[in-house]
Amino acid sequence: MNIIIVSDTMAKPRVLTLRQVILFQALLIAGIGLILSLFILPQADGKHHGVKAFIPAALNLVSPHTQEHIDALAIQLGELQARMMRLDATSERLSGMAGISPSATQDVQPEAEPGRGGPEVRAYGLDAGQLQDKISELLFEMERKQDQLSAIEAFMMQQTLQKNAFPNGHPVNSAYNSSSYGWRLDPFSGRMAFHEGLDFTAVVGTPIYAAAGGIVTTAEQTPDYGKIVKIDHGAGFETRYAHASELLVKVGERVEKGQMIAKVGTTGRSTGAHLHFEVRLNGAPLDPRKYLLN
């Protein structure tokens, strides 16, 4: 069967064979199907457009055992080893400073790259699995070292706080009567009485300093102590500063060691200008001479 096509623009009729007609119909159906698929089927994300969209997913994976991957792991391992050496040096130095390690401290800057070298003898390469195992071991060891450094830091901080809270600072720049703590003749009654502190003779207005850091629990005037400041230093320690002419702190205020808290006076049960200074532990009076620094 033949099909004859006649057109005004053609000089003569064109005859199509049956085979050409079937091929034309197939192409027409395929074109229509392609157009419909563009509107009906979901489109891929923009990141998959282009030539890469036609590459199978398996071909896009980079083998973890390539030399480039192994070299990268080796560099990472070297960097971790260097950091581990710095952590060791820092741990050794801090342990010596804290007094919790008998080993001598080393003058090593933890930020500096540790020196390494020497001839390469019987060297061999590691595969990716071996490198990853060593990296995991180093990461675990670094975490352990970090915990150790945190413990040392906490210990040193505790030591610093205890040192600041220990009442061993002189409360006033003057000498004290070394026989004033203990049993003595009361200056008012003439009877034997126990004196629970030290008396520092000084002129009115002389600055009074906190013997240690702590919290002000009392800042008031009483009949016996006159104007008095009490400071709680923690761990049961308390210091008292009595007979002041002026109080410079308030209850609840945080004071630091050596901070000016009052001025010498002669208020309360006093025969003259001086500071009455007490150190107490859990309420019981202690001899301040055993705590004051020379």
Protein backbone atom coordinates (compact mmCIF):
# COMPACT_ATOMS: atom_id res chain seq x y z
CA MET A 1 0.00 0.00 0.00
CA ASN A 2 1.24 3.45 -0.93
CA ILE A 3 0.10 6.87 0.31
CA ILE A 4 0.14 9.81 -2.14
CA ILE A 5 0.71 13.32 -0.63
CA VAL A 6 -0.43 16.27 -2.76
CA SER A 7 0.39 19.93 -1.89
CA ASP A 8 0.26 23.27 -3.71
CA THR A 9 3.92 23.90 -2.84
CA MET A 10 5.11 20.62 -4.28
CA ALA A 11 5.93 20.41 -7.96
CA LYS A 12 4.65 16.86 -8.05
CA PRO A 13 2.83 14.42 -5.76
CA ARG A 14 5.05 12.47 -3.25
CA VAL A 15 4.40 8.78 -2.67
CA LEU A 16 5.07 7.28 0.84
CA THR A 17 5.49 3.58 1.23
CA LEU A 18 3.86 1.59 4.06
CA ARG A 19 7.20 1.22 5.83
CA GLN A 20 7.72 4.99 5.85
CA VAL A 21 4.21 5.53 7.20
CA ILE A 22 4.78 3.09 10.10
CA LEU A 23 8.12 4.72 10.96
CA PHE A 24 6.49 8.17 10.92
CA GLN A 25 3.70 7.00 13.23
CA ALA A 26 6.20 5.45 15.68
CA LEU A 27 8.20 8.66 15.83
CA LEU A 28 5.02 10.67 16.36
CA ILE A 29 3.88 8.41 19.25
CA ALA A 30 7.32 8.54 20.89
CA GLY A 31 7.36 12.36 20.69
CA ILE A 32 3.93 12.62 22.27
CA GLY A 33 4.98 10.22 25.07
CA LEU A 34 8.12 12.28 25.78
CA ILE A 35 6.12 15.50 26.01
CA LEU A 36 3.61 13.88 28.40
CA SER A 37 6.42 12.51 30.63
CA LEU A 38 7.81 16.02 31.12
CA PHE A 39 4.51 17.18 32.59
CA ILE A 40 3.44 14.01 34.46
CA LEU A 41 6.62 12.42 35.88
CA PRO A 42 8.32 14.12 38.96
CA GLN A 43 11.45 16.09 38.17
CA ALA A 44 14.80 15.46 39.88
CA ASP A 45 16.39 18.11 42.13
CA GLY A 46 18.50 20.75 40.49
CA LYS A 47 21.65 19.34 42.03
CA HIS A 48 21.26 16.18 39.87
CA HIS A 49 20.86 18.03 36.56
CA GLY A 50 23.55 17.77 33.98
CA VAL A 51 25.91 14.97 33.07
CA LYS A 52 26.28 13.72 36.69
CA ALA A 53 22.59 12.75 36.71
CA PHE A 54 23.33 10.01 34.22
CA ILE A 55 26.23 8.52 36.23
CA PRO A 56 25.23 5.54 38.43
CA ALA A 57 25.36 6.27 42.14
CA ALA A 58 27.91 3.51 42.72
CA LEU A 59 30.36 5.22 40.39
CA ASN A 60 30.14 8.50 42.35
CA LEU A 61 31.62 6.95 45.55
CA VAL A 62 35.31 7.51 46.27
CA SER A 63 36.97 4.42 47.58
CA PRO A 64 38.14 4.84 51.20
CA HIS A 65 41.25 2.84 50.36
CA THR A 66 42.60 5.21 47.74
CA GLN A 67 46.08 6.60 48.32
CA GLU A 68 44.66 10.10 48.66
CA HIS A 69 42.38 8.94 51.49
CA ILE A 70 45.22 7.09 53.23
CA ASP A 71 47.49 10.13 52.99
CA ALA A 72 44.80 12.30 54.56
CA LEU A 73 44.40 9.85 57.45
CA ALA A 74 48.17 9.76 57.96
CA ILE A 75 48.31 13.57 58.19
CA GLN A 76 45.43 13.57 60.69
CA LEU A 77 47.20 10.93 62.77
CA GLY A 78 50.39 13.00 62.84
CA GLU A 79 48.51 16.10 63.98
CA LEU A 80 46.78 14.13 66.76
CA GLN A 81 50.12 12.74 67.92
CA ALA A 82 51.55 16.25 68.13
CA ARG A 83 48.54 17.45 70.13
CA MET A 84 48.93 14.45 72.42
CA MET A 85 52.54 15.39 73.13
CA ARG A 86 51.48 18.94 74.01
CA LEU A 87 48.81 17.60 76.35
CA ASP A 88 51.39 15.38 78.06
CA ALA A 89 53.74 18.34 78.56
CA THR A 90 50.94 20.53 79.90
CA SER A 91 49.72 17.80 82.25
CA GLU A 92 53.23 17.26 83.60
CA ARG A 93 53.77 20.97 84.18
CA LEU A 94 50.41 21.56 85.87
CA SER A 95 50.81 18.46 88.05
CA GLY A 96 54.12 19.79 89.30
CA MET A 97 52.64 23.23 89.97
CA ALA A 98 49.75 21.67 91.89
CA GLY A 99 52.13 19.51 93.93
CA ILE A 100 50.26 16.31 93.11
CA SER A 101 52.99 14.67 91.03
CA PRO A 102 56.54 13.83 92.12
CA SER A 103 57.91 14.25 88.62
CA ALA A 104 59.75 17.48 87.89
CA THR A 105 58.07 20.11 85.78
CA GLN A 106 59.37 20.78 82.30
CA ASP A 107 59.76 24.19 80.77
CA VAL A 108 57.63 23.39 77.73
CA GLN A 109 55.22 25.77 76.08
CA PRO A 110 52.02 23.80 75.35
CA GLU A 111 51.26 25.93 72.31
CA ALA A 112 54.60 25.15 70.60
CA GLU A 113 54.97 22.32 68.10
CA PRO A 114 57.08 19.59 69.76
CA GLY A 115 60.34 18.79 67.97
CA ARG A 116 60.54 15.41 66.28
CA GLY A 117 63.09 13.77 64.01
CA GLY A 118 65.63 11.02 63.49
CA PRO A 119 66.49 8.51 60.73
CA GLU A 120 63.73 6.50 59.11
CA VAL A 121 64.49 2.84 59.89
CA ARG A 122 62.42 -0.18 58.85
CA ALA A 123 59.55 2.05 57.81
CA TYR A 124 56.34 0.66 56.37
CA GLY A 125 53.01 2.14 55.40
CA LEU A 126 49.70 1.64 57.17
CA ASP A 127 46.46 0.87 55.42
CA ALA A 128 43.29 2.88 55.98
CA GLY A 129 41.93 0.49 58.62
CA GLN A 130 45.11 0.57 60.69
CA LEU A 131 45.27 4.37 60.51
CA GLN A 132 41.66 4.69 61.62
CA ASP A 133 42.31 2.35 64.56
CA LYS A 134 45.28 4.43 65.71
CA ILE A 135 43.28 7.64 65.35
CA SER A 136 40.52 6.14 67.51
CA GLU A 137 43.08 5.11 70.15
CA LEU A 138 44.58 8.60 70.21
CA LEU A 139 41.17 10.26 70.48
CA PHE A 140 40.32 8.05 73.45
CA GLU A 141 43.65 8.81 75.12
CA MET A 142 43.23 12.54 74.50
CA GLU A 143 39.82 12.44 76.14
CA ARG A 144 41.35 10.71 79.16
CA LYS A 145 44.11 13.33 79.34
CA GLN A 146 41.55 16.11 79.09
CA ASP A 147 39.69 14.64 82.07
CA GLN A 148 42.98 14.53 83.98
CA LEU A 149 43.70 18.18 83.19
CA SER A 150 40.19 19.13 84.30
CA ALA A 151 40.78 17.37 87.62
CA ILE A 152 44.08 19.22 88.10
CA GLU A 153 42.40 22.52 87.25
CA ALA A 154 39.65 21.85 89.80
CA PHE A 155 42.25 20.97 92.45
CA MET A 156 44.26 24.13 91.82
CA MET A 157 41.10 26.26 91.88
CA GLN A 158 40.12 24.70 95.19
CA GLN A 159 43.59 25.41 96.57
CA THR A 160 43.36 29.02 95.42
CA LEU A 161 39.95 29.49 96.99
CA GLN A 162 41.10 27.95 100.25
CA LYS A 163 44.18 30.13 100.30
CA ASN A 164 42.10 33.24 99.73
CA ALA A 165 39.60 32.17 102.42
CA PHE A 166 42.23 31.27 105.04
CA PRO A 167 42.34 34.07 107.66
CA ASN A 168 46.09 34.72 107.75
CA GLY A 169 46.26 38.35 106.64
CA HIS A 170 47.02 41.16 109.08
CA PRO A 171 43.81 43.11 109.76
CA VAL A 172 45.61 46.38 110.55
CA ASN A 173 49.06 47.86 110.01
CA SER A 174 50.10 47.92 113.65
CA ALA A 175 51.49 45.56 116.28
CA TYR A 176 49.34 43.49 118.60
CA ASN A 177 49.66 42.67 122.31
CA SER A 178 50.93 39.09 122.15
CA SER A 179 49.60 38.32 125.64
CA SER A 180 46.11 39.56 124.92
CA TYR A 181 44.68 36.17 123.87
CA GLY A 182 43.75 33.91 126.76
CA TRP A 183 43.31 34.50 130.48
CA ARG A 184 43.97 38.01 131.74
CA LEU A 185 42.79 40.61 134.26
CA ASP A 186 39.72 42.32 132.87
CA PRO A 187 40.51 46.07 132.45
CA PHE A 188 37.09 47.05 133.79
CA SER A 189 36.35 44.57 136.61
CA GLY A 190 39.85 43.52 137.60
CA ARG A 191 38.78 39.88 137.68
CA MET A 192 40.31 37.04 135.69
CA ALA A 193 38.50 36.61 132.37
CA PHE A 194 39.23 34.90 129.09
CA HIS A 195 40.03 37.24 126.21
CA GLU A 196 39.01 35.61 122.93
CA GLY A 197 41.03 37.75 120.52
CA LEU A 198 44.01 40.02 119.92
CA ASP A 199 44.11 43.76 120.54
CA PHE A 200 45.89 45.91 117.93
CA THR A 201 46.64 49.40 119.28
CA ALA A 202 46.13 52.08 116.60
CA VAL A 203 44.85 55.63 116.27
CA VAL A 204 41.23 56.29 115.46
CA GLY A 205 40.57 56.10 111.73
CA THR A 206 43.31 53.56 110.95
CA PRO A 207 42.11 51.26 108.12
CA ILE A 208 40.95 47.75 109.05
CA TYR A 209 41.37 45.05 106.39
CA ALA A 210 39.71 41.67 105.85
CA ALA A 211 42.09 38.90 106.91
CA ALA A 212 40.57 36.65 104.20
CA GLY A 213 37.91 36.70 101.54
CA GLY A 214 34.34 35.91 102.49
CA ILE A 215 30.78 37.12 103.08
CA VAL A 216 29.86 39.78 105.63
CA THR A 217 27.37 38.27 108.08
CA THR A 218 27.27 41.10 110.65
CA ALA A 219 27.88 44.84 110.41
CA GLU A 220 26.30 46.50 113.44
CA GLN A 221 26.90 48.07 116.86
CA THR A 222 26.64 46.02 120.07
CA PRO A 223 27.16 46.98 123.74
CA ASP A 224 30.34 44.94 124.24
CA TYR A 225 31.99 44.86 120.79
CA GLY A 226 30.87 48.32 119.77
CA LYS A 227 30.79 48.64 115.98
CA ILE A 228 31.70 45.17 114.72
CA VAL A 229 32.10 43.36 111.39
CA LYS A 230 31.86 39.56 111.14
CA ILE A 231 32.99 37.75 108.00
CA ASP A 232 32.20 34.13 107.11
CA HIS A 233 35.09 32.56 105.13
CA GLY A 234 33.56 29.14 104.63
CA ALA A 235 34.66 25.78 106.03
CA GLY A 236 33.54 27.01 109.48
CA PHE A 237 36.01 29.94 109.66
CA GLU A 238 34.86 33.36 110.84
CA THR A 239 36.73 36.55 111.72
CA ARG A 240 35.51 39.46 113.87
CA TYR A 241 36.64 43.09 113.84
CA ALA A 242 35.39 45.07 116.86
CA HIS A 243 35.40 48.57 118.45
CA ALA A 244 35.48 50.25 115.01
CA SER A 245 34.70 53.93 114.57
CA GLU A 246 33.16 53.42 111.12
CA LEU A 247 31.88 50.39 109.18
CA LEU A 248 32.50 50.35 105.43
CA VAL A 249 30.68 47.12 104.42
CA LYS A 250 27.13 45.79 104.65
CA VAL A 251 25.61 42.41 105.50
CA GLY A 252 25.65 40.05 102.52
CA GLU A 253 28.51 41.85 100.81
CA ARG A 254 31.33 39.80 99.29
CA VAL A 255 34.77 41.04 100.39
CA GLU A 256 38.23 40.09 99.18
CA LYS A 257 41.32 39.42 101.22
CA GLY A 258 43.01 42.72 102.12
CA GLN A 259 39.91 44.81 101.36
CA MET A 260 39.29 47.77 103.69
CA ILE A 261 36.15 47.00 105.70
CA ALA A 262 36.19 49.46 108.66
CA LYS A 263 38.23 52.02 110.61
CA VAL A 264 39.77 51.69 114.07
CA GLY A 265 37.81 53.27 116.93
CA THR A 266 37.01 52.88 120.62
CA THR A 267 33.30 52.05 120.56
CA GLY A 268 31.70 49.56 122.93
CA ARG A 269 33.48 48.14 125.96
CA SER A 270 36.86 49.72 125.24
CA THR A 271 39.43 51.74 127.21
CA GLY A 272 41.04 53.31 124.13
CA ALA A 273 41.42 53.20 120.35
CA HIS A 274 42.30 49.70 119.17
CA LEU A 275 41.09 46.80 117.02
CA HIS A 276 39.81 43.68 118.73
CA PHE A 277 40.37 40.82 116.25
CA GLU A 278 39.04 37.28 116.59
CA VAL A 279 39.34 34.05 114.57
CA ARG A 280 36.70 31.40 115.17
CA LEU A 281 36.14 27.88 113.86
CA ASN A 282 32.58 26.58 114.07
CA GLY A 283 31.92 29.23 116.70
CA ALA A 284 34.84 28.35 118.98
CA PRO A 285 37.58 31.01 119.44
CA LEU A 286 41.09 30.26 118.16
CA ASP A 287 44.39 31.95 118.89
CA PRO A 288 44.81 34.38 115.95
CA ARG A 289 48.60 34.34 116.41
CA LYS A 290 48.66 30.84 114.90
CA TYR A 291 47.09 32.09 111.68
CA LEU A 292 48.56 35.52 111.08
CA LEU A 293 51.44 35.64 108.58
CA ASN A 294 54.77 36.86 109.90
